[in-house]
Amino acid sequence: MTEERKRKEELEKRKSRVKEVFESPWLRNTEKELKDCVEALQSSTDPDTTALVDALREVIQDKLANHHRTLGTLRCQEALNERKRVCWALELLSKEDEYLAASLTEPLPLASVIHTFGEEDEGIFHPQNAIVRSTPRRGTVLSSITVRGLKRHRSPTT
């Protein structure tokens, strides 16, 4: 019984620590910065700008990884759940795309595509028949595509 109690106390302590970590203005601003960087990367057509913004994205992701590693939250499921909650509250992530956030350092998805199959489709994905549910700012391009019933696909630029 005491072992179970210790586990519960440890879990509560970890949840409290994770909540405290995500209240940090630095972490929230870094999440916004990563989102803006990915949007800029997706809308860039100049190869030099794309390379520069991609390098910036990598630096931001490394900053997040080092931050979570230092705090001991890098591979913590509670931290991932809190990231989803905070990013949803900051309108960086939609509820529909919440399940796509799979790590603490990867960029959040910009939009998702949902396709419902008709009889004539025979399970083939037709982009022209897809319904786009967009969460990004105006002028951005899809960073990830999800299709119900099919595997997750990424655009060639990511």
N, C-alpha and C. Protein backbone atom coordinates (compact mmCIF):
# COMPACT_ATOMS: atom_id res chain seq x y z
N MET A 1 0.82 -1.20 0.00
CA MET A 1 0.00 0.00 0.00
C MET A 1 0.86 1.26 0.00
N THR A 2 1.93 1.29 0.74
CA THR A 2 2.78 2.46 0.79
C THR A 2 3.50 2.69 -0.53
N GLU A 3 3.81 1.61 -1.25
CA GLU A 3 4.45 1.75 -2.56
C GLU A 3 3.50 2.43 -3.54
N GLU A 4 2.23 2.04 -3.49
CA GLU A 4 1.22 2.66 -4.36
C GLU A 4 1.03 4.12 -3.98
N ARG A 5 1.06 4.40 -2.73
CA ARG A 5 0.92 5.77 -2.24
C ARG A 5 2.10 6.63 -2.72
N LYS A 6 3.31 6.06 -2.67
CA LYS A 6 4.50 6.77 -3.13
C LYS A 6 4.40 7.09 -4.62
N ARG A 7 3.90 6.12 -5.39
CA ARG A 7 3.73 6.35 -6.84
C ARG A 7 2.74 7.47 -7.10
N LYS A 8 1.64 7.47 -6.37
CA LYS A 8 0.64 8.53 -6.54
C LYS A 8 1.21 9.89 -6.17
N GLU A 9 1.96 9.94 -5.08
CA GLU A 9 2.57 11.19 -4.66
C GLU A 9 3.60 11.67 -5.69
N GLU A 10 4.37 10.72 -6.23
CA GLU A 10 5.36 11.05 -7.26
C GLU A 10 4.68 11.58 -8.52
N LEU A 11 3.58 10.95 -8.91
CA LEU A 11 2.82 11.39 -10.08
C LEU A 11 2.27 12.80 -9.87
N GLU A 12 1.71 13.05 -8.72
CA GLU A 12 1.18 14.37 -8.42
C GLU A 12 2.28 15.42 -8.40
N LYS A 13 3.43 15.06 -7.85
CA LYS A 13 4.56 15.97 -7.81
C LYS A 13 5.04 16.29 -9.22
N ARG A 14 5.10 15.26 -10.08
CA ARG A 14 5.53 15.44 -11.47
C ARG A 14 4.53 16.32 -12.22
N LYS A 15 3.23 16.08 -12.04
CA LYS A 15 2.21 16.90 -12.69
C LYS A 15 2.31 18.35 -12.25
N SER A 16 2.54 18.57 -10.97
CA SER A 16 2.68 19.93 -10.45
C SER A 16 3.91 20.61 -11.05
N ARG A 17 5.00 19.88 -11.14
CA ARG A 17 6.25 20.42 -11.72
C ARG A 17 6.05 20.78 -13.19
N VAL A 18 5.39 19.90 -13.92
CA VAL A 18 5.15 20.13 -15.35
C VAL A 18 4.27 21.36 -15.54
N LYS A 19 3.25 21.49 -14.75
CA LYS A 19 2.36 22.66 -14.85
C LYS A 19 3.16 23.94 -14.60
N GLU A 20 4.03 23.90 -13.61
CA GLU A 20 4.88 25.04 -13.29
C GLU A 20 5.82 25.38 -14.46
N VAL A 21 6.37 24.35 -15.10
CA VAL A 21 7.27 24.54 -16.24
C VAL A 21 6.56 25.27 -17.37
N PHE A 22 5.32 24.86 -17.67
CA PHE A 22 4.60 25.45 -18.80
C PHE A 22 3.96 26.79 -18.47
N GLU A 23 4.04 27.25 -17.25
CA GLU A 23 3.59 28.59 -16.91
C GLU A 23 4.66 29.63 -17.21
N SER A 24 5.86 29.15 -17.52
CA SER A 24 6.99 30.03 -17.81
C SER A 24 6.73 30.86 -19.06
N PRO A 25 6.87 32.19 -18.97
CA PRO A 25 6.71 33.02 -20.16
C PRO A 25 7.74 32.67 -21.25
N TRP A 26 8.95 32.29 -20.83
CA TRP A 26 9.97 31.92 -21.80
C TRP A 26 9.51 30.74 -22.65
N LEU A 27 8.97 29.72 -22.00
CA LEU A 27 8.54 28.53 -22.74
C LEU A 27 7.36 28.86 -23.65
N ARG A 28 6.42 29.62 -23.19
CA ARG A 28 5.27 30.00 -24.01
C ARG A 28 5.72 30.83 -25.22
N ASN A 29 6.63 31.76 -25.00
CA ASN A 29 7.14 32.58 -26.11
C ASN A 29 7.94 31.74 -27.10
N THR A 30 8.67 30.77 -26.59
CA THR A 30 9.45 29.89 -27.48
C THR A 30 8.52 29.03 -28.33
N GLU A 31 7.42 28.57 -27.76
CA GLU A 31 6.43 27.81 -28.53
C GLU A 31 5.85 28.68 -29.65
N LYS A 32 5.54 29.93 -29.33
CA LYS A 32 5.02 30.86 -30.34
C LYS A 32 6.07 31.12 -31.41
N GLU A 33 7.31 31.28 -30.99
CA GLU A 33 8.41 31.51 -31.93
C GLU A 33 8.58 30.33 -32.88
N LEU A 34 8.48 29.11 -32.35
CA LEU A 34 8.59 27.92 -33.19
C LEU A 34 7.44 27.85 -34.19
N LYS A 35 6.25 28.17 -33.75
CA LYS A 35 5.08 28.17 -34.64
C LYS A 35 5.25 29.21 -35.76
N ASP A 36 5.69 30.41 -35.40
CA ASP A 36 5.92 31.46 -36.40
C ASP A 36 7.01 31.05 -37.38
N CYS A 37 8.03 30.41 -36.88
CA CYS A 37 9.14 29.96 -37.72
C CYS A 37 8.66 28.93 -38.74
N VAL A 38 7.84 27.98 -38.30
CA VAL A 38 7.32 26.95 -39.20
C VAL A 38 6.39 27.57 -40.25
N GLU A 39 5.59 28.54 -39.84
CA GLU A 39 4.72 29.23 -40.80
C GLU A 39 5.55 29.96 -41.84
N ALA A 40 6.62 30.62 -41.40
CA ALA A 40 7.50 31.33 -42.33
C ALA A 40 8.19 30.34 -43.26
N LEU A 41 8.58 29.21 -42.73
CA LEU A 41 9.23 28.18 -43.53
C LEU A 41 8.28 27.66 -44.61
N GLN A 42 7.03 27.46 -44.25
CA GLN A 42 6.05 26.94 -45.19
C GLN A 42 5.69 27.94 -46.28
N SER A 43 5.73 29.21 -45.97
CA SER A 43 5.33 30.22 -46.96
C SER A 43 6.51 30.76 -47.77
N SER A 44 7.71 30.38 -47.41
CA SER A 44 8.90 30.88 -48.11
C SER A 44 9.10 30.19 -49.45
N THR A 45 9.41 30.97 -50.46
CA THR A 45 9.71 30.40 -51.79
C THR A 45 11.17 30.60 -52.16
N ASP A 46 11.86 31.48 -51.45
CA ASP A 46 13.28 31.75 -51.72
C ASP A 46 14.14 30.69 -51.02
N PRO A 47 15.01 29.98 -51.75
CA PRO A 47 15.84 28.92 -51.14
C PRO A 47 16.74 29.42 -50.02
N ASP A 48 17.28 30.62 -50.15
CA ASP A 48 18.15 31.17 -49.10
C ASP A 48 17.36 31.44 -47.82
N THR A 49 16.20 32.02 -47.99
CA THR A 49 15.33 32.29 -46.84
C THR A 49 14.88 30.99 -46.19
N THR A 50 14.53 30.02 -47.02
CA THR A 50 14.11 28.72 -46.51
C THR A 50 15.22 28.08 -45.68
N ALA A 51 16.45 28.12 -46.18
CA ALA A 51 17.58 27.53 -45.45
C ALA A 51 17.81 28.25 -44.12
N LEU A 52 17.71 29.57 -44.15
CA LEU A 52 17.90 30.37 -42.94
C LEU A 52 16.83 30.06 -41.90
N VAL A 53 15.58 30.05 -42.32
CA VAL A 53 14.46 29.80 -41.40
C VAL A 53 14.50 28.36 -40.89
N ASP A 54 14.91 27.42 -41.74
CA ASP A 54 15.02 26.03 -41.31
C ASP A 54 16.11 25.88 -40.24
N ALA A 55 17.22 26.60 -40.41
CA ALA A 55 18.28 26.58 -39.39
C ALA A 55 17.78 27.17 -38.08
N LEU A 56 16.99 28.24 -38.16
CA LEU A 56 16.40 28.85 -36.97
C LEU A 56 15.46 27.87 -36.28
N ARG A 57 14.66 27.15 -37.06
CA ARG A 57 13.75 26.15 -36.50
C ARG A 57 14.53 25.10 -35.71
N GLU A 58 15.64 24.63 -36.28
CA GLU A 58 16.46 23.63 -35.60
C GLU A 58 17.02 24.18 -34.28
N VAL A 59 17.44 25.43 -34.28
CA VAL A 59 17.96 26.05 -33.06
C VAL A 59 16.87 26.13 -32.00
N ILE A 60 15.67 26.53 -32.40
CA ILE A 60 14.56 26.64 -31.45
C ILE A 60 14.22 25.27 -30.88
N GLN A 61 14.19 24.25 -31.74
CA GLN A 61 13.90 22.90 -31.27
C GLN A 61 14.98 22.42 -30.30
N ASP A 62 16.24 22.74 -30.57
CA ASP A 62 17.32 22.37 -29.65
C ASP A 62 17.17 23.09 -28.31
N LYS A 63 16.76 24.38 -28.36
CA LYS A 63 16.53 25.12 -27.12
C LYS A 63 15.45 24.44 -26.29
N LEU A 64 14.36 24.03 -26.94
CA LEU A 64 13.29 23.35 -26.22
C LEU A 64 13.76 22.03 -25.64
N ALA A 65 14.51 21.26 -26.44
CA ALA A 65 15.01 19.96 -25.97
C ALA A 65 15.93 20.13 -24.76
N ASN A 66 16.86 21.09 -24.84
CA ASN A 66 17.78 21.33 -23.73
C ASN A 66 17.04 21.79 -22.48
N HIS A 67 16.06 22.65 -22.67
CA HIS A 67 15.26 23.15 -21.54
C HIS A 67 14.55 21.99 -20.84
N HIS A 68 13.87 21.15 -21.61
CA HIS A 68 13.14 20.02 -21.01
C HIS A 68 14.10 18.98 -20.43
N ARG A 69 15.24 18.77 -21.08
CA ARG A 69 16.23 17.82 -20.56
C ARG A 69 16.74 18.29 -19.20
N THR A 70 17.04 19.58 -19.10
CA THR A 70 17.54 20.15 -17.85
C THR A 70 16.51 20.02 -16.73
N LEU A 71 15.25 20.20 -17.07
CA LEU A 71 14.19 20.13 -16.06
C LEU A 71 13.72 18.70 -15.79
N GLY A 72 14.17 17.76 -16.61
CA GLY A 72 13.77 16.36 -16.43
C GLY A 72 12.39 16.05 -16.98
N THR A 73 11.92 16.86 -17.91
CA THR A 73 10.58 16.65 -18.47
C THR A 73 10.60 16.22 -19.94
N LEU A 74 11.78 15.93 -20.49
CA LEU A 74 11.90 15.69 -21.93
C LEU A 74 11.06 14.51 -22.41
N ARG A 75 11.06 13.41 -21.74
CA ARG A 75 10.31 12.23 -22.19
C ARG A 75 9.13 11.93 -21.26
N CYS A 76 8.56 12.98 -20.74
CA CYS A 76 7.48 12.86 -19.75
C CYS A 76 6.11 13.03 -20.43
N GLN A 77 5.26 12.03 -20.30
CA GLN A 77 3.93 12.08 -20.91
C GLN A 77 3.10 13.23 -20.35
N GLU A 78 3.24 13.49 -19.05
CA GLU A 78 2.51 14.59 -18.44
C GLU A 78 2.91 15.93 -19.07
N ALA A 79 4.19 16.06 -19.40
CA ALA A 79 4.66 17.30 -20.04
C ALA A 79 4.08 17.44 -21.44
N LEU A 80 4.00 16.34 -22.17
CA LEU A 80 3.40 16.40 -23.51
C LEU A 80 1.93 16.78 -23.42
N ASN A 81 1.21 16.20 -22.47
CA ASN A 81 -0.20 16.55 -22.28
C ASN A 81 -0.36 18.02 -21.91
N GLU A 82 0.54 18.53 -21.09
CA GLU A 82 0.48 19.94 -20.70
C GLU A 82 0.83 20.84 -21.88
N ARG A 83 1.79 20.42 -22.71
CA ARG A 83 2.12 21.19 -23.91
C ARG A 83 0.89 21.33 -24.80
N LYS A 84 0.18 20.24 -25.00
CA LYS A 84 -1.03 20.27 -25.82
C LYS A 84 -2.06 21.23 -25.23
N ARG A 85 -2.24 21.15 -23.91
CA ARG A 85 -3.23 22.00 -23.25
C ARG A 85 -2.86 23.48 -23.37
N VAL A 86 -1.60 23.79 -23.10
CA VAL A 86 -1.15 25.18 -23.15
C VAL A 86 -1.20 25.72 -24.58
N CYS A 87 -0.72 24.92 -25.53
CA CYS A 87 -0.72 25.38 -26.94
C CYS A 87 -2.14 25.55 -27.46
N TRP A 88 -3.05 24.72 -27.00
CA TRP A 88 -4.45 24.89 -27.39
C TRP A 88 -4.98 26.20 -26.79
N ALA A 89 -4.65 26.46 -25.52
CA ALA A 89 -5.10 27.69 -24.86
C ALA A 89 -4.51 28.94 -25.53
N LEU A 90 -3.28 28.83 -26.05
CA LEU A 90 -2.64 29.94 -26.73
C LEU A 90 -3.04 30.04 -28.21
N GLU A 91 -3.94 29.15 -28.63
CA GLU A 91 -4.42 29.07 -30.01
C GLU A 91 -3.30 28.77 -31.00
N LEU A 92 -2.32 27.98 -30.55
CA LEU A 92 -1.25 27.52 -31.43
C LEU A 92 -1.55 26.13 -31.99
N LEU A 93 -2.56 25.49 -31.41
CA LEU A 93 -2.93 24.12 -31.78
C LEU A 93 -4.44 23.98 -31.69
N SER A 94 -5.02 23.35 -32.70
CA SER A 94 -6.47 23.14 -32.66
C SER A 94 -6.77 21.83 -31.94
N LYS A 95 -7.97 21.71 -31.42
CA LYS A 95 -8.39 20.47 -30.76
C LYS A 95 -8.32 19.29 -31.72
N GLU A 96 -8.67 19.52 -32.99
CA GLU A 96 -8.67 18.45 -33.98
C GLU A 96 -7.26 17.92 -34.25
N ASP A 97 -6.26 18.79 -34.13
CA ASP A 97 -4.88 18.41 -34.42
C ASP A 97 -4.07 18.08 -33.17
N GLU A 98 -4.71 18.13 -32.04
CA GLU A 98 -4.02 17.89 -30.77
C GLU A 98 -3.26 16.56 -30.75
N TYR A 99 -3.85 15.54 -31.31
CA TYR A 99 -3.22 14.21 -31.29
C TYR A 99 -1.95 14.15 -32.15
N LEU A 100 -1.74 15.13 -33.03
CA LEU A 100 -0.55 15.15 -33.87
C LEU A 100 0.70 15.64 -33.13
N ALA A 101 0.51 16.33 -32.03
CA ALA A 101 1.64 16.79 -31.23
C ALA A 101 2.17 15.59 -30.47
N ALA A 102 3.29 15.04 -30.94
CA ALA A 102 3.80 13.78 -30.40
C ALA A 102 5.07 13.93 -29.57
N SER A 103 5.63 15.14 -29.51
CA SER A 103 6.82 15.34 -28.69
C SER A 103 6.85 16.76 -28.17
N LEU A 104 7.79 17.01 -27.27
CA LEU A 104 7.91 18.34 -26.67
C LEU A 104 8.71 19.30 -27.52
N THR A 105 9.37 18.81 -28.56
CA THR A 105 10.26 19.67 -29.34
C THR A 105 9.88 19.80 -30.81
N GLU A 106 9.05 18.93 -31.32
CA GLU A 106 8.66 18.99 -32.73
C GLU A 106 7.69 20.15 -32.96
N PRO A 107 7.74 20.75 -34.15
CA PRO A 107 6.79 21.82 -34.45
C PRO A 107 5.35 21.33 -34.41
N LEU A 108 4.46 22.19 -34.02
CA LEU A 108 3.04 21.86 -34.00
C LEU A 108 2.49 21.88 -35.41
N PRO A 109 1.47 21.08 -35.69
CA PRO A 109 0.88 21.09 -37.03
C PRO A 109 0.18 22.42 -37.30
N LEU A 110 0.20 22.82 -38.57
CA LEU A 110 -0.46 24.07 -38.95
C LEU A 110 -1.91 23.86 -39.35
N ALA A 111 -2.21 22.73 -39.97
CA ALA A 111 -3.58 22.47 -40.42
C ALA A 111 -3.74 20.99 -40.65
N SER A 112 -4.97 20.55 -40.73
CA SER A 112 -5.22 19.15 -41.04
C SER A 112 -6.23 19.06 -42.17
N VAL A 113 -6.16 17.98 -42.90
CA VAL A 113 -7.10 17.71 -43.98
C VAL A 113 -7.86 16.45 -43.61
N ILE A 114 -9.17 16.52 -43.73
CA ILE A 114 -9.99 15.36 -43.42
C ILE A 114 -10.73 14.97 -44.68
N HIS A 115 -10.68 13.70 -45.00
CA HIS A 115 -11.30 13.20 -46.22
C HIS A 115 -12.28 12.10 -45.85
N THR A 116 -13.49 12.23 -46.31
CA THR A 116 -14.44 11.15 -46.12
C THR A 116 -14.57 10.43 -47.44
N PHE A 117 -14.48 9.12 -47.39
CA PHE A 117 -14.48 8.31 -48.61
C PHE A 117 -15.89 8.09 -49.12
N GLY A 118 -16.04 8.19 -50.43
CA GLY A 118 -17.29 7.86 -51.09
C GLY A 118 -17.18 6.49 -51.70
N GLU A 119 -18.25 5.98 -52.24
CA GLU A 119 -18.24 4.66 -52.84
C GLU A 119 -17.29 4.59 -54.03
N GLU A 120 -17.20 5.65 -54.81
CA GLU A 120 -16.37 5.63 -56.00
C GLU A 120 -14.87 5.72 -55.68
N ASP A 121 -14.53 6.12 -54.46
CA ASP A 121 -13.13 6.32 -54.10
C ASP A 121 -12.33 5.03 -54.00
N GLU A 122 -12.93 3.99 -53.53
CA GLU A 122 -12.26 2.71 -53.30
C GLU A 122 -11.01 2.88 -52.45
N GLY A 123 -11.07 3.78 -51.46
CA GLY A 123 -9.97 3.96 -50.54
C GLY A 123 -8.81 4.78 -51.07
N ILE A 124 -8.96 5.47 -52.19
CA ILE A 124 -7.90 6.28 -52.76
C ILE A 124 -8.10 7.73 -52.33
N PHE A 125 -7.02 8.35 -51.90
CA PHE A 125 -7.08 9.74 -51.47
C PHE A 125 -7.03 10.67 -52.68
N HIS A 126 -8.01 11.54 -52.78
CA HIS A 126 -8.07 12.53 -53.86
C HIS A 126 -8.02 13.91 -53.21
N PRO A 127 -6.89 14.62 -53.34
CA PRO A 127 -6.77 15.93 -52.68
C PRO A 127 -7.88 16.91 -53.05
N GLN A 128 -8.37 16.85 -54.27
CA GLN A 128 -9.41 17.80 -54.68
C GLN A 128 -10.73 17.55 -53.94
N ASN A 129 -10.90 16.34 -53.37
CA ASN A 129 -12.11 16.03 -52.62
C ASN A 129 -11.95 16.25 -51.12
N ALA A 130 -10.76 16.63 -50.70
CA ALA A 130 -10.48 16.79 -49.28
C ALA A 130 -11.12 18.05 -48.73
N ILE A 131 -11.44 18.01 -47.47
CA ILE A 131 -11.98 19.16 -46.76
C ILE A 131 -10.84 19.70 -45.91
N VAL A 132 -10.49 20.94 -46.09
CA VAL A 132 -9.39 21.51 -45.32
C VAL A 132 -9.96 22.21 -44.10
N ARG A 133 -9.44 21.85 -42.95
CA ARG A 133 -9.79 22.53 -41.71
C ARG A 133 -8.54 23.27 -41.31
N SER A 134 -8.54 24.57 -41.50
CA SER A 134 -7.32 25.35 -41.34
C SER A 134 -7.28 26.06 -40.01
N THR A 135 -6.12 25.98 -39.35
CA THR A 135 -5.90 26.72 -38.12
C THR A 135 -4.80 27.76 -38.25
N PRO A 136 -4.03 27.76 -39.36
CA PRO A 136 -2.92 28.71 -39.43
C PRO A 136 -3.38 30.12 -39.76
N ARG A 137 -2.43 31.01 -39.68
CA ARG A 137 -2.69 32.39 -40.08
C ARG A 137 -2.82 32.47 -41.58
N ARG A 138 -3.39 33.54 -42.04
CA ARG A 138 -3.61 33.76 -43.46
C ARG A 138 -2.29 33.72 -44.23
N GLY A 139 -2.28 33.08 -45.38
CA GLY A 139 -1.11 33.07 -46.22
C GLY A 139 -0.17 31.91 -45.99
N THR A 140 -0.48 30.99 -45.09
CA THR A 140 0.41 29.87 -44.85
C THR A 140 -0.03 28.65 -45.65
N VAL A 141 0.86 27.71 -45.75
CA VAL A 141 0.62 26.49 -46.50
C VAL A 141 0.53 25.34 -45.51
N LEU A 142 -0.09 24.25 -45.89
CA LEU A 142 -0.19 23.09 -45.00
C LEU A 142 1.18 22.57 -44.61
N SER A 143 1.39 22.30 -43.33
CA SER A 143 2.63 21.68 -42.90
C SER A 143 2.44 20.19 -42.70
N SER A 144 1.23 19.79 -42.38
CA SER A 144 0.97 18.37 -42.22
C SER A 144 -0.43 18.08 -42.71
N ILE A 145 -0.61 16.90 -43.16
CA ILE A 145 -1.91 16.49 -43.67
C ILE A 145 -2.30 15.22 -42.95
N THR A 146 -3.50 15.18 -42.43
CA THR A 146 -3.98 13.95 -41.83
C THR A 146 -5.21 13.52 -42.61
N VAL A 147 -5.30 12.27 -42.80
CA VAL A 147 -6.43 11.72 -43.52
C VAL A 147 -6.98 10.59 -42.69
N ARG A 148 -8.22 10.69 -42.33
CA ARG A 148 -8.83 9.61 -41.54
C ARG A 148 -8.84 8.35 -42.39
N GLY A 149 -8.37 7.27 -41.79
CA GLY A 149 -8.35 6.00 -42.48
C GLY A 149 -7.06 5.78 -43.27
N LEU A 150 -6.21 6.79 -43.38
CA LEU A 150 -4.93 6.66 -44.08
C LEU A 150 -3.80 7.10 -43.16
N LYS A 151 -2.58 6.85 -43.59
CA LYS A 151 -1.42 7.26 -42.82
C LYS A 151 -1.27 8.77 -42.89
N ARG A 152 -0.52 9.32 -41.93
CA ARG A 152 -0.23 10.75 -41.89
C ARG A 152 0.79 11.06 -42.98
N HIS A 153 0.55 12.12 -43.72
CA HIS A 153 1.44 12.54 -44.80
C HIS A 153 1.96 13.93 -44.50
N ARG A 154 3.18 14.22 -44.89
CA ARG A 154 3.74 15.57 -44.75
C ARG A 154 4.01 16.14 -46.14
N SER A 155 3.93 17.44 -46.22
CA SER A 155 4.24 18.09 -47.49
C SER A 155 5.73 17.91 -47.78
N PRO A 156 6.14 17.94 -49.03
CA PRO A 156 7.53 17.70 -49.38
C PRO A 156 8.51 18.73 -48.83
N THR A 157 8.04 19.88 -48.38
CA THR A 157 8.93 20.92 -47.90
C THR A 157 9.30 20.76 -46.44
N THR A 158 8.70 19.81 -45.73
CA THR A 158 9.03 19.66 -44.30
C THR A 158 10.01 18.56 -44.08
